[in-house]
C-alpha atoms as a PDB file:
ATOM      1  CA  MET A   1      58.683 -26.640  44.058  1.00  0.00           C
ATOM      2  CA  SER A   2      55.742 -28.586  42.735  1.00  0.00           C
ATOM      3  CA  PHE A   3      52.856 -27.196  40.705  1.00  0.00           C
ATOM      4  CA  SER A   4      49.313 -28.463  40.779  1.00  0.00           C
ATOM      5  CA  THR A   5      47.878 -29.648  37.517  1.00  0.00           C
ATOM      6  CA  ASN A   6      44.306 -29.044  38.696  1.00  0.00           C
ATOM      7  CA  ASP A   7      44.346 -25.236  38.425  1.00  0.00           C
ATOM      8  CA  ARG A   8      41.968 -25.400  35.433  1.00  0.00           C
ATOM      9  CA  PRO A   9      38.487 -23.999  36.173  1.00  0.00           C
ATOM     10  CA  ALA A  10      35.686 -26.447  36.827  1.00  0.00           C
ATOM     11  CA  THR A  11      33.715 -25.132  33.903  1.00  0.00           C
ATOM     12  CA  GLY A  12      36.276 -26.465  31.483  1.00  0.00           C
ATOM     13  CA  SER A  13      36.916 -23.117  29.777  1.00  0.00           C
ATOM     14  CA  ALA A  14      40.429 -22.584  28.477  1.00  0.00           C
ATOM     15  CA  PRO A  15      42.469 -19.534  29.550  1.00  0.00           C
ATOM     16  CA  SER A  16      42.874 -16.787  26.982  1.00  0.00           C
ATOM     17  CA  PRO A  17      46.362 -15.871  25.612  1.00  0.00           C
ATOM     18  CA  ASP A  18      46.644 -12.887  27.992  1.00  0.00           C
ATOM     19  CA  GLY A  19      46.266 -15.159  31.007  1.00  0.00           C
ATOM     20  CA  VAL A  20      42.676 -14.170  31.897  1.00  0.00           C
ATOM     21  CA  THR A  21      40.197 -16.999  32.107  1.00  0.00           C
ATOM     22  CA  SER A  22      37.246 -16.444  29.752  1.00  0.00           C
ATOM     23  CA  ALA A  23      33.692 -16.900  30.970  1.00  0.00           C
ATOM     24  CA  PRO A  24      31.980 -20.148  30.031  1.00  0.00           C
ATOM     25  CA  ALA A  25      29.675 -20.093  27.008  1.00  0.00           C
ATOM     26  CA  ILE A  26      25.975 -19.777  27.814  1.00  0.00           C
ATOM     27  CA  LYS A  27      23.874 -22.582  26.448  1.00  0.00           C
ATOM     28  CA  ALA A  28      20.555 -21.073  25.403  1.00  0.00           C
ATOM     29  CA  VAL A  29      17.485 -23.243  25.800  1.00  0.00           C
ATOM     30  CA  ARG A  30      14.769 -22.615  23.265  1.00  0.00           C
ATOM     31  CA  LEU A  31      11.482 -21.531  24.813  1.00  0.00           C
ATOM     32  CA  ARG A  32       8.741 -24.078  24.233  1.00  0.00           C
ATOM     33  CA  HIS A  33       5.203 -23.134  23.204  1.00  0.00           C
ATOM     34  CA  PRO A  34       3.055 -26.257  23.602  1.00  0.00           C
ATOM     35  CA  TRP A  35      -0.284 -24.427  23.515  1.00  0.00           C
ATOM     36  CA  ARG A  36       0.648 -22.470  20.412  1.00  0.00           C
ATOM     37  CA  ASN A  37       1.662 -25.647  18.616  1.00  0.00           C
ATOM     38  CA  LEU A  38      -1.540 -27.376  19.703  1.00  0.00           C
ATOM     39  CA  ILE A  39      -3.706 -24.505  18.417  1.00  0.00           C
ATOM     40  CA  ALA A  40      -1.817 -24.501  15.101  1.00  0.00           C
ATOM     41  CA  ILE A  41      -2.413 -28.252  14.676  1.00  0.00           C
ATOM     42  CA  ILE A  42      -6.133 -27.844  15.402  1.00  0.00           C
ATOM     43  CA  ILE A  43      -6.435 -25.004  12.861  1.00  0.00           C
ATOM     44  CA  ILE A  44      -4.630 -27.061  10.208  1.00  0.00           C
ATOM     45  CA  ILE A  45      -6.945 -30.016  10.820  1.00  0.00           C
ATOM     46  CA  TYR A  46     -10.073 -27.862  10.499  1.00  0.00           C
ATOM     47  CA  LEU A  47      -8.686 -26.162   7.379  1.00  0.00           C
ATOM     48  CA  ALA A  48      -7.926 -29.507   5.736  1.00  0.00           C
ATOM     49  CA  ALA A  49     -11.425 -30.740   6.626  1.00  0.00           C
ATOM     50  CA  PHE A  50     -12.977 -27.606   5.094  1.00  0.00           C
ATOM     51  CA  ILE A  51     -10.972 -27.985   1.867  1.00  0.00           C
ATOM     52  CA  TRP A  52     -11.885 -31.677   1.620  1.00  0.00           C
ATOM     53  CA  ASP A  53     -15.566 -30.886   2.170  1.00  0.00           C
ATOM     54  CA  ALA A  54     -15.545 -28.068  -0.406  1.00  0.00           C
ATOM     55  CA  ALA A  55     -13.810 -30.258  -2.976  1.00  0.00           C
ATOM     56  CA  ASN A  56     -16.526 -32.918  -2.681  1.00  0.00           C
ATOM     57  CA  ARG A  57     -19.545 -30.613  -2.361  1.00  0.00           C
ATOM     58  CA  LYS A  58     -21.674 -30.662  -5.525  1.00  0.00           C
ATOM     59  CA  ALA A  59     -23.165 -27.205  -4.902  1.00  0.00           C
ATOM     60  CA  PHE A  60     -19.889 -25.564  -5.942  1.00  0.00           C
ATOM     61  CA  GLY A  61     -20.099 -27.161  -9.408  1.00  0.00           C
ATOM     62  CA  TRP A  62     -16.407 -27.753  -9.973  1.00  0.00           C
ATOM     63  CA  ASP A  63     -17.039 -29.129 -13.463  1.00  0.00           C
ATOM     64  CA  VAL A  64     -18.675 -25.847 -14.486  1.00  0.00           C
ATOM     65  CA  PHE A  65     -15.901 -23.949 -12.690  1.00  0.00           C
ATOM     66  CA  SER A  66     -13.167 -25.693 -14.686  1.00  0.00           C
ATOM     67  CA  LYS A  67     -15.102 -25.174 -17.925  1.00  0.00           C
ATOM     68  CA  TYR A  68     -15.425 -21.392 -17.608  1.00  0.00           C
ATOM     69  CA  LEU A  69     -12.250 -20.560 -15.669  1.00  0.00           C
ATOM     70  CA  PHE A  70     -10.309 -19.748 -18.852  1.00  0.00           C
ATOM     71  CA  ASP A  71     -13.286 -18.867 -21.029  1.00  0.00           C
ATOM     72  CA  GLN A  72     -12.510 -16.103 -23.520  1.00  0.00           C
ATOM     73  CA  ARG A  73     -15.338 -13.922 -22.232  1.00  0.00           C
ATOM     74  CA  ILE A  74     -14.007 -14.181 -18.682  1.00  0.00           C
ATOM     75  CA  SER A  75     -10.428 -13.343 -19.706  1.00  0.00           C
ATOM     76  CA  GLN A  76     -11.626 -10.328 -21.703  1.00  0.00           C
ATOM     77  CA  ALA A  77     -13.673  -9.159 -18.734  1.00  0.00           C
ATOM     78  CA  ALA A  78     -10.595  -9.505 -16.517  1.00  0.00           C
ATOM     79  CA  LEU A  79      -8.662  -7.289 -18.936  1.00  0.00           C
ATOM     80  CA  VAL A  80     -11.450  -4.694 -18.851  1.00  0.00           C
ATOM     81  CA  THR A  81     -11.374  -4.782 -15.049  1.00  0.00           C
ATOM     82  CA  ILE A  82      -7.615  -4.118 -15.060  1.00  0.00           C
ATOM     83  CA  GLU A  83      -8.127  -1.214 -17.463  1.00  0.00           C
ATOM     84  CA  LEU A  84     -10.810   0.250 -15.209  1.00  0.00           C
ATOM     85  CA  THR A  85      -8.522  -0.081 -12.193  1.00  0.00           C
ATOM     86  CA  VAL A  86      -5.444   1.466 -13.795  1.00  0.00           C
ATOM     87  CA  LEU A  87      -7.228   4.399 -15.428  1.00  0.00           C
ATOM     88  CA  ALA A  88      -9.240   5.184 -12.297  1.00  0.00           C
ATOM     89  CA  MET A  89      -6.099   5.083 -10.136  1.00  0.00           C
ATOM     90  CA  ILE A  90      -4.246   7.414 -12.524  1.00  0.00           C
ATOM     91  CA  ILE A  91      -7.034   9.972 -12.120  1.00  0.00           C
ATOM     92  CA  ALA A  92      -7.120   9.376  -8.366  1.00  0.00           C
ATOM     93  CA  VAL A  93      -3.354   9.774  -7.864  1.00  0.00           C
ATOM     94  CA  ILE A  94      -3.105  13.006  -9.853  1.00  0.00           C
ATOM     95  CA  LEU A  95      -6.204  14.574  -8.324  1.00  0.00           C
ATOM     96  CA  GLY A  96      -5.363  13.267  -4.836  1.00  0.00           C
ATOM     97  CA  LEU A  97      -1.917  14.887  -4.987  1.00  0.00           C
ATOM     98  CA  ILE A  98      -3.463  18.199  -6.022  1.00  0.00           C
ATOM     99  CA  LEU A  99      -6.076  18.013  -3.253  1.00  0.00           C
ATOM    100  CA  ALA A 100      -3.445  17.159  -0.631  1.00  0.00           C
ATOM    101  CA  VAL A 101      -1.318  20.145  -1.628  1.00  0.00           C
ATOM    102  CA  MET A 102      -4.426  22.332  -1.522  1.00  0.00           C
ATOM    103  CA  ARG A 103      -5.212  21.106   2.017  1.00  0.00           C
ATOM    104  CA  LEU A 104      -1.711  22.096   3.122  1.00  0.00           C
ATOM    105  CA  SER A 105      -1.756  25.430   1.314  1.00  0.00           C
ATOM    106  CA  SER A 106      -1.880  28.723   3.198  1.00  0.00           C
ATOM    107  CA  ASN A 107      -4.635  29.890   0.842  1.00  0.00           C
ATOM    108  CA  PRO A 108      -7.970  29.536   2.698  1.00  0.00           C
ATOM    109  CA  VAL A 109      -9.900  29.223  -0.577  1.00  0.00           C
ATOM    110  CA  PHE A 110      -7.836  26.219  -1.661  1.00  0.00           C
ATOM    111  CA  ARG A 111      -8.220  24.614   1.776  1.00  0.00           C
ATOM    112  CA  ALA A 112     -11.987  25.133   1.735  1.00  0.00           C
ATOM    113  CA  ILE A 113     -12.381  23.651  -1.762  1.00  0.00           C
ATOM    114  CA  SER A 114     -10.280  20.617  -0.867  1.00  0.00           C
ATOM    115  CA  TRP A 115     -12.156  20.078   2.404  1.00  0.00           C
ATOM    116  CA  ALA A 116     -15.539  20.311   0.664  1.00  0.00           C
ATOM    117  CA  TYR A 117     -14.449  17.794  -1.975  1.00  0.00           C
ATOM    118  CA  LEU A 118     -13.299  15.315   0.656  1.00  0.00           C
ATOM    119  CA  TRP A 119     -16.465  15.845   2.682  1.00  0.00           C
ATOM    120  CA  ILE A 120     -18.751  15.053  -0.252  1.00  0.00           C
ATOM    121  CA  PHE A 121     -16.915  12.137  -1.856  1.00  0.00           C
ATOM    122  CA  ARG A 122     -15.937  10.425   1.399  1.00  0.00           C
ATOM    123  CA  GLY A 123     -19.333  10.992   2.957  1.00  0.00           C
ATOM    124  CA  THR A 124     -21.460   9.363   0.236  1.00  0.00           C
ATOM    125  CA  PRO A 125     -21.365   5.699  -0.917  1.00  0.00           C
ATOM    126  CA  VAL A 126     -19.446   4.988  -4.090  1.00  0.00           C
ATOM    127  CA  TYR A 127     -22.398   3.001  -5.459  1.00  0.00           C
ATOM    128  CA  VAL A 128     -24.658   6.063  -5.171  1.00  0.00           C
ATOM    129  CA  GLN A 129     -22.026   8.212  -6.886  1.00  0.00           C
ATOM    130  CA  LEU A 130     -21.810   5.739  -9.771  1.00  0.00           C
ATOM    131  CA  VAL A 131     -25.599   5.817 -10.131  1.00  0.00           C
ATOM    132  CA  PHE A 132     -25.472   9.614 -10.445  1.00  0.00           C
ATOM    133  CA  TRP A 133     -22.743   9.340 -13.081  1.00  0.00           C
ATOM    134  CA  GLY A 134     -24.938   6.892 -14.996  1.00  0.00           C
ATOM    135  CA  LEU A 135     -27.769   9.440 -14.890  1.00  0.00           C
ATOM    136  CA  LEU A 136     -25.517  12.265 -16.078  1.00  0.00           C
ATOM    137  CA  SER A 137     -27.141  12.426 -19.533  1.00  0.00           C
ATOM    138  CA  THR A 138     -30.561  12.626 -17.880  1.00  0.00           C
ATOM    139  CA  ILE A 139     -29.609  15.338 -15.388  1.00  0.00           C
ATOM    140  CA  TYR A 140     -27.423  17.323 -17.813  1.00  0.00           C
ATOM    141  CA  PRO A 141     -28.380  16.528 -21.430  1.00  0.00           C
ATOM    142  CA  VAL A 142     -25.937  19.206 -22.599  1.00  0.00           C
ATOM    143  CA  LEU A 143     -22.803  20.396 -20.816  1.00  0.00           C
ATOM    144  CA  LYS A 144     -22.265  24.109 -21.397  1.00  0.00           C
ATOM    145  CA  ILE A 145     -18.734  25.373 -20.797  1.00  0.00           C
ATOM    146  CA  GLY A 146     -17.960  29.074 -20.676  1.00  0.00           C
ATOM    147  CA  ILE A 147     -18.041  32.215 -18.566  1.00  0.00           C
ATOM    148  CA  PRO A 148     -21.106  32.620 -16.315  1.00  0.00           C
ATOM    149  CA  LEU A 149     -23.807  35.059 -17.524  1.00  0.00           C
ATOM    150  CA  LEU A 150     -22.361  34.887 -21.056  1.00  0.00           C
ATOM    151  CA  PRO A 151     -23.176  32.587 -23.988  1.00  0.00           C
ATOM    152  CA  PRO A 152     -21.413  29.212 -23.586  1.00  0.00           C
ATOM    153  CA  ALA A 153     -18.200  28.725 -25.518  1.00  0.00           C
ATOM    154  CA  VAL A 154     -18.604  24.942 -25.851  1.00  0.00           C
ATOM    155  CA  GLU A 155     -21.706  22.735 -25.737  1.00  0.00           C
ATOM    156  CA  LEU A 156     -21.262  18.970 -25.336  1.00  0.00           C
ATOM    157  CA  PRO A 157     -24.166  16.516 -25.543  1.00  0.00           C
ATOM    158  CA  THR A 158     -23.433  14.121 -22.697  1.00  0.00           C
ATOM    159  CA  GLN A 159     -25.273  11.158 -24.177  1.00  0.00           C
ATOM    160  CA  ASN A 160     -22.861  10.879 -27.097  1.00  0.00           C
ATOM    161  CA  ALA A 161     -19.741  12.412 -25.546  1.00  0.00           C
ATOM    162  CA  LEU A 162     -19.131   9.900 -22.746  1.00  0.00           C
ATOM    163  CA  SER A 163     -19.489   6.124 -22.861  1.00  0.00           C
ATOM    164  CA  PHE A 164     -20.447   3.991 -19.878  1.00  0.00           C
ATOM    165  CA  PHE A 165     -16.816   2.896 -19.615  1.00  0.00           C
ATOM    166  CA  ALA A 166     -15.632   6.522 -19.390  1.00  0.00           C
ATOM    167  CA  LEU A 167     -18.319   7.335 -16.816  1.00  0.00           C
ATOM    168  CA  ALA A 168     -17.255   4.335 -14.712  1.00  0.00           C
ATOM    169  CA  VAL A 169     -13.601   5.431 -14.817  1.00  0.00           C
ATOM    170  CA  ILE A 170     -14.476   9.007 -13.880  1.00  0.00           C
ATOM    171  CA  GLY A 171     -16.770   7.927 -11.056  1.00  0.00           C
ATOM    172  CA  LEU A 172     -14.239   5.525  -9.540  1.00  0.00           C
ATOM    173  CA  GLY A 173     -11.332   7.940  -9.967  1.00  0.00           C
ATOM    174  CA  LEU A 174     -13.059  10.925  -8.384  1.00  0.00           C
ATOM    175  CA  ASN A 175     -14.191   8.851  -5.409  1.00  0.00           C
ATOM    176  CA  GLU A 176     -10.756   7.335  -4.835  1.00  0.00           C
ATOM    177  CA  ALA A 177      -9.049  10.741  -5.085  1.00  0.00           C
ATOM    178  CA  ALA A 178     -10.675  11.792  -1.815  1.00  0.00           C
ATOM    179  CA  TYR A 179      -9.017   8.902   0.041  1.00  0.00           C
ATOM    180  CA  LEU A 180      -5.641   9.239  -1.669  1.00  0.00           C
ATOM    181  CA  ALA A 181      -5.582  12.941  -0.818  1.00  0.00           C
ATOM    182  CA  GLU A 182      -5.532  12.097   2.889  1.00  0.00           C
ATOM    183  CA  ILE A 183      -2.859   9.443   2.332  1.00  0.00           C
ATOM    184  CA  VAL A 184      -0.642  11.908   0.465  1.00  0.00           C
ATOM    185  CA  ARG A 185      -1.246  14.594   3.092  1.00  0.00           C
ATOM    186  CA  ALA A 186      -0.208  12.195   5.861  1.00  0.00           C
ATOM    187  CA  GLY A 187       2.951  11.312   3.940  1.00  0.00           C
ATOM    188  CA  ILE A 188       3.860  14.959   3.417  1.00  0.00           C
ATOM    189  CA  LEU A 189       3.303  15.774   7.098  1.00  0.00           C
ATOM    190  CA  SER A 190       5.602  12.873   8.081  1.00  0.00           C
ATOM    191  CA  VAL A 191       8.595  14.672   6.523  1.00  0.00           C
ATOM    192  CA  ASP A 192      10.482  16.859   8.973  1.00  0.00           C
ATOM    193  CA  ARG A 193       9.739  20.547   8.671  1.00  0.00           C
ATOM    194  CA  GLY A 194      13.448  21.263   8.490  1.00  0.00           C
ATOM    195  CA  GLN A 195      13.652  19.646   5.056  1.00  0.00           C
ATOM    196  CA  GLU A 196      11.363  22.266   3.568  1.00  0.00           C
ATOM    197  CA  GLU A 197      13.194  25.042   5.422  1.00  0.00           C
ATOM    198  CA  ALA A 198      16.528  23.794   4.077  1.00  0.00           C
ATOM    199  CA  ALA A 199      15.110  23.735   0.542  1.00  0.00           C
ATOM    200  CA  THR A 200      13.861  27.293   1.002  1.00  0.00           C
ATOM    201  CA  ALA A 201      17.314  28.331   2.252  1.00  0.00           C
ATOM    202  CA  LEU A 202      18.788  26.937  -0.955  1.00  0.00           C
ATOM    203  CA  GLY A 203      16.569  29.263  -2.973  1.00  0.00           C
ATOM    204  CA  MET A 204      13.874  26.779  -4.000  1.00  0.00           C
ATOM    205  CA  THR A 205      10.305  27.898  -4.404  1.00  0.00           C
ATOM    206  CA  TRP A 206       7.492  26.172  -2.506  1.00  0.00           C
ATOM    207  CA  VAL A 207       6.563  24.107  -5.552  1.00  0.00           C
ATOM    208  CA  GLN A 208      10.192  23.085  -6.149  1.00  0.00           C
ATOM    209  CA  SER A 209      10.729  22.105  -2.523  1.00  0.00           C
ATOM    210  CA  MET A 210       7.545  20.000  -2.524  1.00  0.00           C
ATOM    211  CA  TRP A 211       8.375  18.307  -5.839  1.00  0.00           C
ATOM    212  CA  ARG A 212      12.103  17.733  -5.320  1.00  0.00           C
ATOM    213  CA  VAL A 213      12.497  17.353  -1.551  1.00  0.00           C
ATOM    214  CA  VAL A 214       9.312  16.699   0.417  1.00  0.00           C
ATOM    215  CA  ILE A 215       7.278  14.404  -1.838  1.00  0.00           C
ATOM    216  CA  PRO A 216      10.182  12.021  -2.689  1.00  0.00           C
ATOM    217  CA  GLN A 217      10.870  11.540   1.037  1.00  0.00           C
ATOM    218  CA  SER A 218       7.195  11.000   1.797  1.00  0.00           C
ATOM    219  CA  MET A 219       6.860   8.203  -0.767  1.00  0.00           C
ATOM    220  CA  ARG A 220       7.898   5.523   1.739  1.00  0.00           C
ATOM    221  CA  ILE A 221       4.859   6.516   3.814  1.00  0.00           C
ATOM    222  CA  ILE A 222       2.530   6.934   0.834  1.00  0.00           C
ATOM    223  CA  ILE A 223       3.321   3.730  -1.070  1.00  0.00           C
ATOM    224  CA  PRO A 224       1.957   1.053   1.360  1.00  0.00           C
ATOM    225  CA  PRO A 225      -1.563   2.503   1.787  1.00  0.00           C
ATOM    226  CA  THR A 226      -1.676   3.469  -1.880  1.00  0.00           C
ATOM    227  CA  GLY A 227      -0.953  -0.133  -2.810  1.00  0.00           C
ATOM    228  CA  ASN A 228      -3.801  -1.224  -0.567  1.00  0.00           C
ATOM    229  CA  GLU A 229      -6.093   1.310  -2.239  1.00  0.00           C
ATOM    230  CA  PHE A 230      -5.034  -0.033  -5.653  1.00  0.00           C
ATOM    231  CA  ILE A 231      -6.044  -3.532  -4.603  1.00  0.00           C
ATOM    232  CA  SER A 232      -9.276  -2.201  -3.132  1.00  0.00           C
ATOM    233  CA  MET A 233     -10.014  -0.378  -6.381  1.00  0.00           C
ATOM    234  CA  LEU A 234      -9.675  -3.644  -8.289  1.00  0.00           C
ATOM    235  CA  LYS A 235     -12.508  -5.109  -6.250  1.00  0.00           C
ATOM    236  CA  THR A 236     -14.543  -1.892  -6.245  1.00  0.00           C
ATOM    237  CA  THR A 237     -14.848  -2.165 -10.037  1.00  0.00           C
ATOM    238  CA  SER A 238     -17.522  -4.803  -9.393  1.00  0.00           C
ATOM    239  CA  LEU A 239     -19.853  -1.892  -8.534  1.00  0.00           C
ATOM    240  CA  VAL A 240     -19.733  -0.318 -12.008  1.00  0.00           C
ATOM    241  CA  THR A 241     -22.922  -2.179 -12.823  1.00  0.00           C
ATOM    242  CA  ALA A 242     -24.596   0.860 -11.205  1.00  0.00           C
ATOM    243  CA  VAL A 243     -23.507   3.076 -14.136  1.00  0.00           C
ATOM    244  CA  PRO A 244     -24.591   0.664 -15.811  1.00  0.00           C
ATOM    245  CA  PHE A 245     -21.477  -0.992 -17.241  1.00  0.00           C
ATOM    246  CA  SER A 246     -21.619  -4.757 -17.550  1.00  0.00           C
ATOM    247  CA  LEU A 247     -18.343  -5.784 -19.165  1.00  0.00           C
ATOM    248  CA  ASP A 248     -16.290  -6.018 -15.986  1.00  0.00           C
ATOM    249  CA  LEU A 249     -15.280  -9.337 -14.445  1.00  0.00           C
ATOM    250  CA  TYR A 250     -18.061  -9.641 -11.886  1.00  0.00           C
ATOM    251  CA  SER A 251     -20.891  -8.528 -14.185  1.00  0.00           C
ATOM    252  CA  ARG A 252     -19.710 -10.784 -17.005  1.00  0.00           C
ATOM    253  CA  SER A 253     -19.482 -13.802 -14.708  1.00  0.00           C
ATOM    254  CA  ARG A 254     -22.941 -13.082 -13.344  1.00  0.00           C
ATOM    255  CA  ASP A 255     -24.405 -12.743 -16.846  1.00  0.00           C
ATOM    256  CA  ILE A 256     -22.900 -16.089 -17.888  1.00  0.00           C
ATOM    257  CA  GLY A 257     -24.162 -17.835 -14.762  1.00  0.00           C
ATOM    258  CA  ILE A 258     -27.776 -16.625 -14.979  1.00  0.00           C
ATOM    259  CA  PRO A 259     -28.753 -18.685 -18.096  1.00  0.00           C
ATOM    260  CA  LEU A 260     -27.116 -21.744 -16.530  1.00  0.00           C
ATOM    261  CA  PHE A 261     -29.282 -21.366 -13.392  1.00  0.00           C
ATOM    262  CA  ASP A 262     -26.066 -22.064 -11.486  1.00  0.00           C
ATOM    263  CA  PRO A 263     -24.388 -18.780 -10.516  1.00  0.00           C
ATOM    264  CA  LEU A 264     -22.156 -20.170  -7.752  1.00  0.00           C
ATOM    265  CA  PRO A 265     -19.453 -21.728 -10.003  1.00  0.00           C
ATOM    266  CA  LEU A 266     -19.182 -18.484 -11.979  1.00  0.00           C
ATOM    267  CA  LEU A 267     -18.815 -16.513  -8.765  1.00  0.00           C
ATOM    268  CA  LEU A 268     -15.936 -18.824  -7.866  1.00  0.00           C
ATOM    269  CA  VAL A 269     -14.443 -18.171 -11.292  1.00  0.00           C
ATOM    270  CA  ALA A 270     -14.613 -14.402 -10.749  1.00  0.00           C
ATOM    271  CA  SER A 271     -13.163 -14.773  -7.249  1.00  0.00           C
ATOM    272  CA  THR A 272     -10.259 -16.829  -8.596  1.00  0.00           C
ATOM    273  CA  TRP A 273      -9.419 -14.177 -11.173  1.00  0.00           C
ATOM    274  CA  TYR A 274      -9.654 -11.394  -8.581  1.00  0.00           C
ATOM    275  CA  LEU A 275      -7.376 -13.366  -6.269  1.00  0.00           C
ATOM    276  CA  ALA A 276      -4.818 -13.993  -9.028  1.00  0.00           C
ATOM    277  CA  ILE A 277      -4.662 -10.330 -10.070  1.00  0.00           C
ATOM    278  CA  THR A 278      -4.473  -9.219  -6.435  1.00  0.00           C
ATOM    279  CA  SER A 279      -1.555 -11.595  -5.801  1.00  0.00           C
ATOM    280  CA  VAL A 280       0.402 -10.052  -8.677  1.00  0.00           C
ATOM    281  CA  LEU A 281      -0.326  -6.550  -7.365  1.00  0.00           C
ATOM    282  CA  MET A 282       0.857  -7.533  -3.883  1.00  0.00           C
ATOM    283  CA  VAL A 283       4.192  -8.741  -5.268  1.00  0.00           C
ATOM    284  CA  GLY A 284       4.638  -5.469  -7.160  1.00  0.00           C
ATOM    285  CA  GLN A 285       3.724  -3.515  -4.034  1.00  0.00           C
ATOM    286  CA  TYR A 286       6.358  -5.385  -2.004  1.00  0.00           C
ATOM    287  CA  PHE A 287       9.204  -4.534  -4.385  1.00  0.00           C
ATOM    288  CA  LEU A 288       8.012  -0.939  -4.709  1.00  0.00           C
ATOM    289  CA  GLU A 289       7.986  -0.535  -0.935  1.00  0.00           C
ATOM    290  CA  LYS A 290      11.429  -2.116  -0.729  1.00  0.00           C
ATOM    291  CA  ARG A 291      12.826   0.349  -3.253  1.00  0.00           C
ATOM    292  CA  PHE A 292      11.462   3.472  -1.581  1.00  0.00           C
ATOM    293  CA  ALA A 293      12.522   2.229   1.870  1.00  0.00           C
ATOM    294  CA  ARG A 294      16.208   2.178   0.955  1.00  0.00           C
ATOM    295  CA  GLY A 295      18.443   3.941   3.453  1.00  0.00           C
ATOM    296  CA  VAL A 296      15.723   4.375   6.062  1.00  0.00           C
ATOM    297  CA  GLY A 297      17.349   2.356   8.861  1.00  0.00           C
ATOM    298  CA  ALA A 298      18.827  -0.936   9.984  1.00  0.00           C
ATOM    299  CA  ALA A 299      15.588  -2.197  11.531  1.00  0.00           C
ATOM    300  CA  ARG A 300      13.852  -2.913   8.232  1.00  0.00           C
ATOM    301  CA  PRO A 301      12.325  -6.397   7.804  1.00  0.00           C
ATOM    302  CA  ASP A 302      13.749  -6.805   4.298  1.00  0.00           C
ATOM    303  CA  ARG A 303      17.276  -6.612   5.727  1.00  0.00           C
ATOM    304  CA  GLY A 304      16.588  -9.088   8.478  1.00  0.00           C
ATOM    305  CA  GLY A 305      17.225  -6.523  11.222  1.00  0.00           C
ATOM    306  CA  ASP A 306      15.225  -5.766  14.309  1.00  0.00           C
ATOM    307  CA  ALA A 307      14.980  -3.015  16.893  1.00  0.00           C
ATOM    308  CA  THR A 308      17.760  -4.536  19.020  1.00  0.00           C
ATOM    309  CA  THR A 309      20.150  -4.556  16.070  1.00  0.00           C
ATOM    310  CA  ALA A 310      19.391  -0.927  15.373  1.00  0.00           C
ATOM    311  CA  VAL A 311      19.985   0.073  19.011  1.00  0.00           C
ATOM    312  CA  ILE A 312      23.296  -1.835  19.162  1.00  0.00           C
ATOM    313  CA  ALA A 313      24.461  -0.240  15.924  1.00  0.00           C
ATOM    314  CA  THR A 314      23.585   3.216  17.248  1.00  0.00           C
ATOM    315  CA  MET A 315      25.450   2.564  20.510  1.00  0.00           C
ATOM    316  CA  GLU A 316      28.524   1.388  18.618  1.00  0.00           C
ATOM    317  CA  ILE A 317      28.505   4.522  16.484  1.00  0.00           C
ATOM    318  CA  ARG A 318      28.203   6.748  19.545  1.00  0.00           C
ATOM    319  CA  THR A 319      31.044   4.852  21.281  1.00  0.00           C
ATOM    320  CA  ASN A 320      33.306   5.275  18.269  1.00  0.00           C
ATOM    321  CA  VAL A 321      32.502   8.980  18.064  1.00  0.00           C
ATOM    322  CA  ALA A 322      33.242   9.435  21.779  1.00  0.00           C
ATOM    323  CA  SER A 323      36.536   7.566  21.391  1.00  0.00           C
ATOM    324  CA  LEU A 324      37.556   9.766  18.470  1.00  0.00           C
ATOM    325  CA  GLU A 325      36.684  12.897  20.462  1.00  0.00           C
ATOM    326  CA  THR A 326      38.777  11.659  23.421  1.00  0.00           C
ATOM    327  CA  ASP A 327      41.772  10.966  21.183  1.00  0.00           C
ATOM    328  CA  ALA A 328      41.433  14.422  19.679  1.00  0.00           C
ATOM    329  CA  PHE A 329      41.416  16.091  23.103  1.00  0.00           C
ATOM    330  CA  ARG A 330      44.498  14.100  24.148  1.00  0.00           C
ATOM    331  CA  ALA A 331      46.357  15.071  21.014  1.00  0.00           C
ATOM    332  CA  GLU A 332      45.420  18.713  21.576  1.00  0.00           C
ATOM    333  CA  ASP A 333      46.707  18.570  25.182  1.00  0.00           C
ATOM    334  CA  GLU A 334      50.001  17.028  24.079  1.00  0.00           C
ATOM    335  CA  ASP A 335      50.450  19.759  21.482  1.00  0.00           C
ATOM    336  CA  LYS A 336      49.889  22.431  24.148  1.00  0.00           C
ATOM    337  CA  ARG A 337      52.486  20.825  26.451  1.00  0.00           C
END
């Protein structure tokens, strides 16, 4: 008996050890995007032309820019701007958390107070609010603290009690608290209701369940928009000239540029400092988001996963569970026999 030596498949795939011929490997062809590449090249050309034109345009005053970029007055103003941002955000975070909890409270008085606060501070421009804070000593020369209809317990002259820096921090913080309150409320509402019910079943009070269970889980929702608000606050400090406070980065750059009769280079200096500080904040925001997103799922960008990976992983888990259940039923049947 003779055997043919041409029994091998035409595709050239080798038979597997169990005698079954494996399917040929699929050669994937990468999808081409000629129009996308062309548009990217055009954008790069225009961007390079813009940078070249800006570098050679005398109106920008690059010699003045390089002279004042690291000027001591500018660096001190940048530090003051950071202080304004941090202190205002501390006030905003604490007050925003309180307002968010009040909005979610079953007490109608708390809900009404929180709603009225948000309505006023979100409905009026921050510049106008800062102007009012600057006029505080004119509107209220003396702050009287005590019980209504009784002699005041404490009297504070506002002109000497609060500096322009303190008024700027208070004005920025109170305005930002209205926006952070809605961010915190959205984060709390994103947590499943069963988490709070489970905490209550364990004997926790409402405050304990919010502080230990709900709020920590809502941080992954709260952190990204809060980071954006932090960056926005950094740039909003340029409005404190309405108080008036003139030692921030923008006001100081403007004051230096006015005697030179060339404000544009100093505006570029201020913009460069704002951009540098913002870049640092964005890096910190990325790592903070990454930390609070731990254990959320397999489809996170920082782990290189996608939605398909997550679906496949879920299907594999369900298949393994079904297989274990089948083996358990078989073992139970054998024991009965």
